[in-house]
Amino acid sequence: MKTLVTGATGFLGKRVVKKLQASGDNPILTSLSMGVDLRDFNQTKAFFEAHQPDVLLNCASFVGGIQFGYKYPADLFENNLLMNVNLLRAARETGIGRIVNPISNCVYPAKATLFKEEEIWDGPMHDSVLVYGFVRKAFWVGSWANAKQHGMDIINIVLSNMYGPEDHFEEERSHALGALIMKFVEAKRSNSPFVNVWGSGTPVREWLHVDDGAEAMIRSIKMPPTTDFVNIGVAHGISIIEMCELIKELTGYTGSIKLDPSKPDGAPYKTVDGSKGEELLGWKPSKPFKEGVAEAIKWYEENYSYA
């Protein structure tokens, strides 16, 4: 069986590749930085035809944090929608047997608290994730349409915001956890008296270690076929202020935390009911949060020089 990983040089893609290689697989790899632009149909189809993969693990996306989403909504829409359409069409025309596609849990309604698959269409998404959430949802719609018309086998797993070593650590591109790690480490390095944190500190988020996300992708290769969304999660989150206190402790920072409620919070509460995913995969995420955050901090400290 030949496995193709798109977005192989990205945050999730790199960990998927490492896990596959550790198990003895030698996956086919591609990404924009490796020379294939998935926004171009001819390039995408030519690559698929040349390599003839049996399985596609789609880790390709154009994404960032809240600031990024507010600043580049048209770019988010166009880049991701083009990739969606091209990947589905090229996979169909070249006969790829199964696609595994991750979807951010921002696709859930803004009013939702514990995310359940049967409630995914029960209201509008939060404004802060409207564009990215829409295009990720659109991939599911395209999957459903291609399954109905062409019999394609596509698994769509819903993942919480991921964190861990090799994350994006830029203020615009990173999600809250990566941005906070960067802020606290740099505040310690520069002896800053306080760390400025966007929002009220009250939003609750469930986080998924990138290695658990990668494991879910790989296990989904053998998941029973389904056209439904499948959540991966543990139904437990942490507030932004609690996360700040944990990062402060793990970095050894001794200054204060200064909240800025004039800045957007995003959705107020996000946790994920992963019972369906656990049943289908015979597995659930297991990385202890404190241990995972400590790993991410260590990686940042070792790989990013003083600001």
Protein backbone atom coordinates (compact mmCIF):
# COMPACT_ATOMS: atom_id res chain seq x y z
CA MET A 1 0.00 0.00 0.00
CA LYS A 2 1.42 3.38 -1.05
CA THR A 3 0.61 6.30 1.27
CA LEU A 4 0.80 9.92 0.17
CA VAL A 5 1.09 12.74 2.72
CA THR A 6 0.20 16.21 1.41
CA GLY A 7 1.36 19.16 3.49
CA ALA A 8 4.24 16.91 4.55
CA THR A 9 6.43 19.79 5.74
CA GLY A 10 3.71 21.40 7.90
CA PHE A 11 3.10 21.07 11.63
CA LEU A 12 0.81 18.02 11.46
CA GLY A 13 2.31 16.61 8.27
CA LYS A 14 5.82 16.32 9.73
CA ARG A 15 4.56 14.29 12.68
CA VAL A 16 2.45 12.04 10.46
CA VAL A 17 5.51 11.34 8.31
CA LYS A 18 7.67 10.56 11.36
CA LYS A 19 5.11 8.11 12.73
CA LEU A 20 4.71 6.37 9.37
CA GLN A 21 8.47 6.06 8.92
CA ALA A 22 8.90 4.77 12.47
CA SER A 23 6.44 1.96 11.66
CA GLY A 24 8.45 0.96 8.57
CA ASP A 25 6.37 2.78 5.96
CA ASN A 26 8.05 4.93 3.32
CA PRO A 27 5.34 7.45 2.43
CA ILE A 28 5.26 9.65 -0.66
CA LEU A 29 5.66 13.27 0.43
CA THR A 30 4.64 16.58 -1.08
CA SER A 31 4.00 20.17 -0.05
CA LEU A 32 4.25 23.64 -1.54
CA SER A 33 7.84 23.97 -0.30
CA MET A 34 8.66 20.63 -1.96
CA GLY A 35 7.47 21.93 -5.32
CA VAL A 36 3.82 20.93 -5.76
CA ASP A 37 1.19 23.67 -5.56
CA LEU A 38 -2.11 21.99 -4.71
CA ARG A 39 -3.93 25.17 -5.75
CA ASP A 40 -3.00 24.22 -9.33
CA PHE A 41 -5.08 21.30 -10.61
CA ASN A 42 -2.65 20.26 -13.35
CA GLN A 43 0.27 20.07 -10.91
CA THR A 44 -1.82 18.15 -8.41
CA LYS A 45 -3.12 15.59 -10.90
CA ALA A 46 0.30 15.12 -12.52
CA PHE A 47 1.85 14.35 -9.14
CA PHE A 48 -0.92 11.87 -8.26
CA GLU A 49 -0.59 10.17 -11.65
CA ALA A 50 3.18 9.90 -11.31
CA HIS A 51 3.05 8.26 -7.87
CA GLN A 52 -0.29 6.36 -7.92
CA PRO A 53 -0.90 6.34 -4.14
CA ASP A 54 -3.49 4.04 -2.58
CA VAL A 55 -4.13 6.30 0.44
CA LEU A 56 -3.97 10.09 0.78
CA LEU A 57 -3.41 11.66 4.20
CA ASN A 58 -4.28 15.30 3.57
CA CYS A 59 -2.33 17.55 5.95
CA ALA A 60 -2.25 20.51 3.57
CA SER A 61 -3.91 23.76 4.66
CA PHE A 62 -3.47 27.52 4.72
CA VAL A 63 -4.20 28.55 8.30
CA GLY A 64 -3.28 30.77 11.23
CA GLY A 65 -4.62 32.07 14.54
CA ILE A 66 -7.41 34.58 15.26
CA GLN A 67 -5.36 37.59 14.09
CA PHE A 68 -4.45 35.80 10.87
CA GLY A 69 -8.10 34.95 10.20
CA TYR A 70 -9.24 38.54 10.67
CA LYS A 71 -6.41 39.95 8.54
CA TYR A 72 -6.46 37.52 5.58
CA PRO A 73 -10.05 36.19 5.19
CA ALA A 74 -10.03 36.27 1.37
CA ASP A 75 -6.68 34.46 1.25
CA LEU A 76 -7.98 31.81 3.63
CA PHE A 77 -11.08 31.33 1.49
CA GLU A 78 -9.37 31.14 -1.89
CA ASN A 79 -6.28 29.09 -1.00
CA ASN A 80 -8.14 26.43 0.96
CA LEU A 81 -11.10 26.15 -1.39
CA LEU A 82 -8.80 25.69 -4.39
CA MET A 83 -6.90 22.94 -2.57
CA ASN A 84 -10.16 21.25 -1.58
CA VAL A 85 -11.54 21.08 -5.11
CA ASN A 86 -8.24 20.07 -6.73
CA LEU A 87 -7.45 17.33 -4.23
CA LEU A 88 -10.88 15.74 -4.49
CA ARG A 89 -10.96 15.88 -8.28
CA ALA A 90 -7.38 14.67 -8.76
CA ALA A 91 -7.91 11.82 -6.27
CA ARG A 92 -11.10 10.80 -8.08
CA GLU A 93 -9.53 10.90 -11.53
CA THR A 94 -6.45 8.92 -10.45
CA GLY A 95 -8.30 6.30 -8.42
CA ILE A 96 -6.95 6.90 -4.90
CA GLY A 97 -8.58 4.33 -2.65
CA ARG A 98 -9.01 6.33 0.56
CA ILE A 99 -8.55 9.92 1.69
CA VAL A 100 -8.15 10.85 5.35
CA ASN A 101 -8.84 14.54 5.93
CA PRO A 102 -8.55 16.48 9.21
CA ILE A 103 -11.13 19.19 9.96
CA SER A 104 -10.72 21.83 12.66
CA ASN A 105 -13.31 21.79 15.43
CA CYS A 106 -14.01 25.46 14.62
CA VAL A 107 -16.64 24.08 12.20
CA TYR A 108 -19.01 23.65 15.15
CA PRO A 109 -21.68 26.27 15.92
CA ALA A 110 -20.52 29.19 18.07
CA LYS A 111 -23.25 28.37 20.60
CA ALA A 112 -22.02 24.79 21.07
CA THR A 113 -20.08 23.82 24.21
CA LEU A 114 -19.51 20.06 24.04
CA PHE A 115 -19.14 19.30 20.35
CA LYS A 116 -21.18 16.34 19.11
CA GLU A 117 -21.20 15.22 15.47
CA GLU A 118 -24.98 15.28 15.15
CA GLU A 119 -25.05 18.98 16.15
CA ILE A 120 -22.47 20.25 13.66
CA TRP A 121 -25.07 21.98 11.46
CA ASP A 122 -27.15 23.41 14.32
CA GLY A 123 -26.14 27.07 13.99
CA PRO A 124 -23.62 29.58 12.62
CA MET A 125 -19.91 29.39 13.35
CA HIS A 126 -18.17 32.10 15.36
CA ASP A 127 -17.19 35.15 13.29
CA SER A 128 -13.51 34.67 14.18
CA VAL A 129 -13.40 31.33 12.35
CA LEU A 130 -16.20 31.79 9.81
CA VAL A 131 -14.05 31.65 6.67
CA TYR A 132 -11.67 28.87 7.67
CA GLY A 133 -14.48 26.87 9.25
CA PHE A 134 -16.57 27.21 6.09
CA VAL A 135 -13.87 25.92 3.76
CA ARG A 136 -13.10 22.97 6.07
CA LYS A 137 -16.81 22.17 6.16
CA ALA A 138 -16.84 22.50 2.37
CA PHE A 139 -14.32 19.67 2.14
CA TRP A 140 -16.81 17.45 3.98
CA VAL A 141 -19.57 18.53 1.56
CA GLY A 142 -17.28 17.69 -1.37
CA SER A 143 -16.49 14.34 0.25
CA TRP A 144 -20.16 13.53 0.71
CA ALA A 145 -20.92 14.54 -2.89
CA ASN A 146 -18.08 12.44 -4.33
CA ALA A 147 -19.06 9.46 -2.19
CA LYS A 148 -22.64 9.67 -3.42
CA GLN A 149 -21.85 10.23 -7.10
CA HIS A 150 -18.55 8.40 -7.55
CA GLY A 151 -18.30 6.00 -4.59
CA MET A 152 -15.18 7.65 -3.17
CA ASP A 153 -13.99 6.57 0.29
CA ILE A 154 -13.18 9.68 2.34
CA ILE A 155 -12.80 9.90 6.12
CA ASN A 156 -13.19 13.32 7.75
CA ILE A 157 -11.90 13.47 11.33
CA VAL A 158 -12.52 16.55 13.50
CA LEU A 159 -9.47 17.62 15.51
CA SER A 160 -9.10 20.19 18.27
CA ASN A 161 -6.47 22.93 17.97
CA MET A 162 -3.14 21.15 18.02
CA TYR A 163 0.02 22.04 19.91
CA GLY A 164 3.45 20.57 20.51
CA PRO A 165 7.04 20.69 19.26
CA GLU A 166 7.55 22.28 15.82
CA ASP A 167 4.38 24.37 16.12
CA HIS A 168 4.04 27.80 14.50
CA PHE A 169 5.54 30.31 16.89
CA GLU A 170 4.68 33.59 15.18
CA GLU A 171 2.12 35.96 16.65
CA GLU A 172 -0.18 35.91 13.60
CA ARG A 173 0.23 32.29 12.51
CA SER A 174 0.15 30.53 15.87
CA HIS A 175 -2.93 29.52 17.81
CA ALA A 176 -3.32 30.74 21.39
CA LEU A 177 -1.12 28.10 23.00
CA GLY A 178 1.86 28.56 20.68
CA ALA A 179 1.57 32.35 20.91
CA LEU A 180 1.51 32.20 24.71
CA ILE A 181 4.55 29.94 24.90
CA MET A 182 6.43 32.42 22.72
CA LYS A 183 5.31 35.37 24.86
CA PHE A 184 6.24 33.82 28.20
CA VAL A 185 9.63 32.51 27.09
CA GLU A 186 10.55 35.85 25.52
CA ALA A 187 9.28 37.77 28.58
CA LYS A 188 11.54 35.66 30.78
CA ARG A 189 14.50 36.18 28.45
CA SER A 190 14.04 39.96 28.42
CA ASN A 191 12.99 40.32 32.10
CA SER A 192 9.71 41.94 31.08
CA PRO A 193 7.53 42.85 34.09
CA PHE A 194 4.36 41.43 32.55
CA VAL A 195 2.98 39.33 29.68
CA ASN A 196 0.12 40.86 27.73
CA VAL A 197 -2.60 38.27 26.95
CA TRP A 198 -5.41 38.88 24.47
CA GLY A 199 -8.98 38.72 25.76
CA SER A 200 -10.66 38.07 29.08
CA GLY A 201 -8.87 34.80 29.88
CA THR A 202 -12.16 32.97 30.29
CA PRO A 203 -12.53 31.01 26.99
CA VAL A 204 -12.10 27.26 27.43
CA ARG A 205 -10.33 25.18 24.81
CA GLU A 206 -9.63 21.50 24.38
CA TRP A 207 -6.13 20.99 22.98
CA LEU A 208 -4.78 18.03 21.04
CA HIS A 209 -1.09 17.14 21.07
CA VAL A 210 0.16 16.97 17.49
CA ASP A 211 1.37 13.38 17.99
CA ASP A 212 -2.16 12.35 18.99
CA GLY A 213 -3.45 14.16 15.90
CA ALA A 214 -0.95 12.25 13.76
CA GLU A 215 -1.91 8.96 15.39
CA ALA A 216 -5.59 9.65 14.64
CA MET A 217 -4.76 10.33 10.98
CA ILE A 218 -2.83 7.07 10.61
CA ARG A 219 -5.36 4.95 12.49
CA SER A 220 -8.09 6.37 10.23
CA ILE A 221 -6.53 4.55 7.27
CA LYS A 222 -8.21 1.39 8.59
CA MET A 223 -11.35 2.97 10.02
CA PRO A 224 -14.63 1.46 8.75
CA PRO A 225 -15.94 3.57 5.84
CA THR A 226 -18.24 6.43 6.83
CA THR A 227 -19.41 9.68 5.28
CA ASP A 228 -20.08 11.19 8.74
CA PHE A 229 -17.87 13.61 10.64
CA VAL A 230 -15.84 11.74 13.28
CA ASN A 231 -14.65 13.64 16.37
CA ILE A 232 -11.29 12.96 18.01
CA GLY A 233 -11.28 14.26 21.57
CA VAL A 234 -11.62 13.71 25.30
CA ALA A 235 -14.35 16.23 26.28
CA HIS A 236 -12.06 18.20 28.57
CA GLY A 237 -10.62 21.71 28.17
CA ILE A 238 -8.69 24.40 30.00
CA SER A 239 -9.31 28.15 30.25
CA ILE A 240 -6.87 30.62 28.73
CA ILE A 241 -5.94 32.06 32.14
CA GLU A 242 -5.31 28.57 33.59
CA MET A 243 -3.17 27.82 30.56
CA CYS A 244 -1.23 31.04 31.16
CA GLU A 245 -0.57 30.07 34.76
CA LEU A 246 0.67 26.65 33.64
CA ILE A 247 3.00 28.11 31.02
CA LYS A 248 4.25 30.68 33.54
CA GLU A 249 5.06 27.84 35.94
CA LEU A 250 6.77 25.66 33.32
CA THR A 251 8.87 28.51 31.89
CA GLY A 252 9.87 29.82 35.30
CA TYR A 253 8.64 33.32 34.44
CA THR A 254 8.19 35.48 37.57
CA GLY A 255 6.37 38.54 36.20
CA SER A 256 2.64 39.16 36.05
CA ILE A 257 -0.10 38.31 33.56
CA LYS A 258 -1.94 41.30 32.09
CA LEU A 259 -5.23 40.52 30.35
CA ASP A 260 -6.47 42.78 27.53
CA PRO A 261 -10.27 42.40 27.31
CA SER A 262 -10.40 44.89 24.42
CA LYS A 263 -9.01 42.12 22.19
CA PRO A 264 -11.25 39.32 20.81
CA ASP A 265 -11.75 36.11 22.75
CA GLY A 266 -13.04 33.93 19.94
CA ALA A 267 -15.69 31.34 20.80
CA PRO A 268 -16.32 31.05 24.57
CA TYR A 269 -16.15 27.29 24.99
CA LYS A 270 -14.83 24.40 22.91
CA THR A 271 -14.60 20.79 24.03
CA VAL A 272 -15.08 17.68 21.94
CA ASP A 273 -17.16 14.53 22.51
CA GLY A 274 -14.80 11.93 21.07
CA SER A 275 -16.82 8.83 21.94
CA LYS A 276 -17.62 7.99 18.31
CA GLY A 277 -14.00 8.31 17.24
CA GLU A 278 -12.86 6.20 20.17
CA GLU A 279 -15.32 3.47 19.19
CA LEU A 280 -14.30 3.48 15.50
CA LEU A 281 -10.55 3.67 16.11
CA GLY A 282 -10.28 1.66 19.33
CA TRP A 283 -8.20 4.54 20.67
CA LYS A 284 -8.38 8.05 22.09
CA PRO A 285 -5.85 10.87 22.64
CA SER A 286 -3.62 10.10 25.59
CA LYS A 287 -0.86 12.73 25.86
CA PRO A 288 -1.01 14.44 29.30
CA PHE A 289 -1.49 18.17 28.70
CA LYS A 290 1.16 19.41 31.13
CA GLU A 291 3.74 17.03 29.66
CA GLY A 292 2.88 18.11 26.12
CA VAL A 293 3.13 21.81 26.98
CA ALA A 294 6.51 21.22 28.65
CA GLU A 295 7.72 19.52 25.43
CA ALA A 296 6.55 22.45 23.32
CA ILE A 297 8.26 24.97 25.60
CA LYS A 298 11.52 23.02 25.53
CA TRP A 299 11.43 22.82 21.73
CA TYR A 300 10.79 26.57 21.44
CA GLU A 301 13.60 27.41 23.89
CA GLU A 302 16.05 25.21 21.97
CA ASN A 303 15.07 26.32 18.46
CA TYR A 304 14.29 30.03 18.71
CA SER A 305 16.99 32.54 19.56
CA TYR A 306 16.48 35.57 21.78
CA ALA A 307 14.04 38.09 20.34
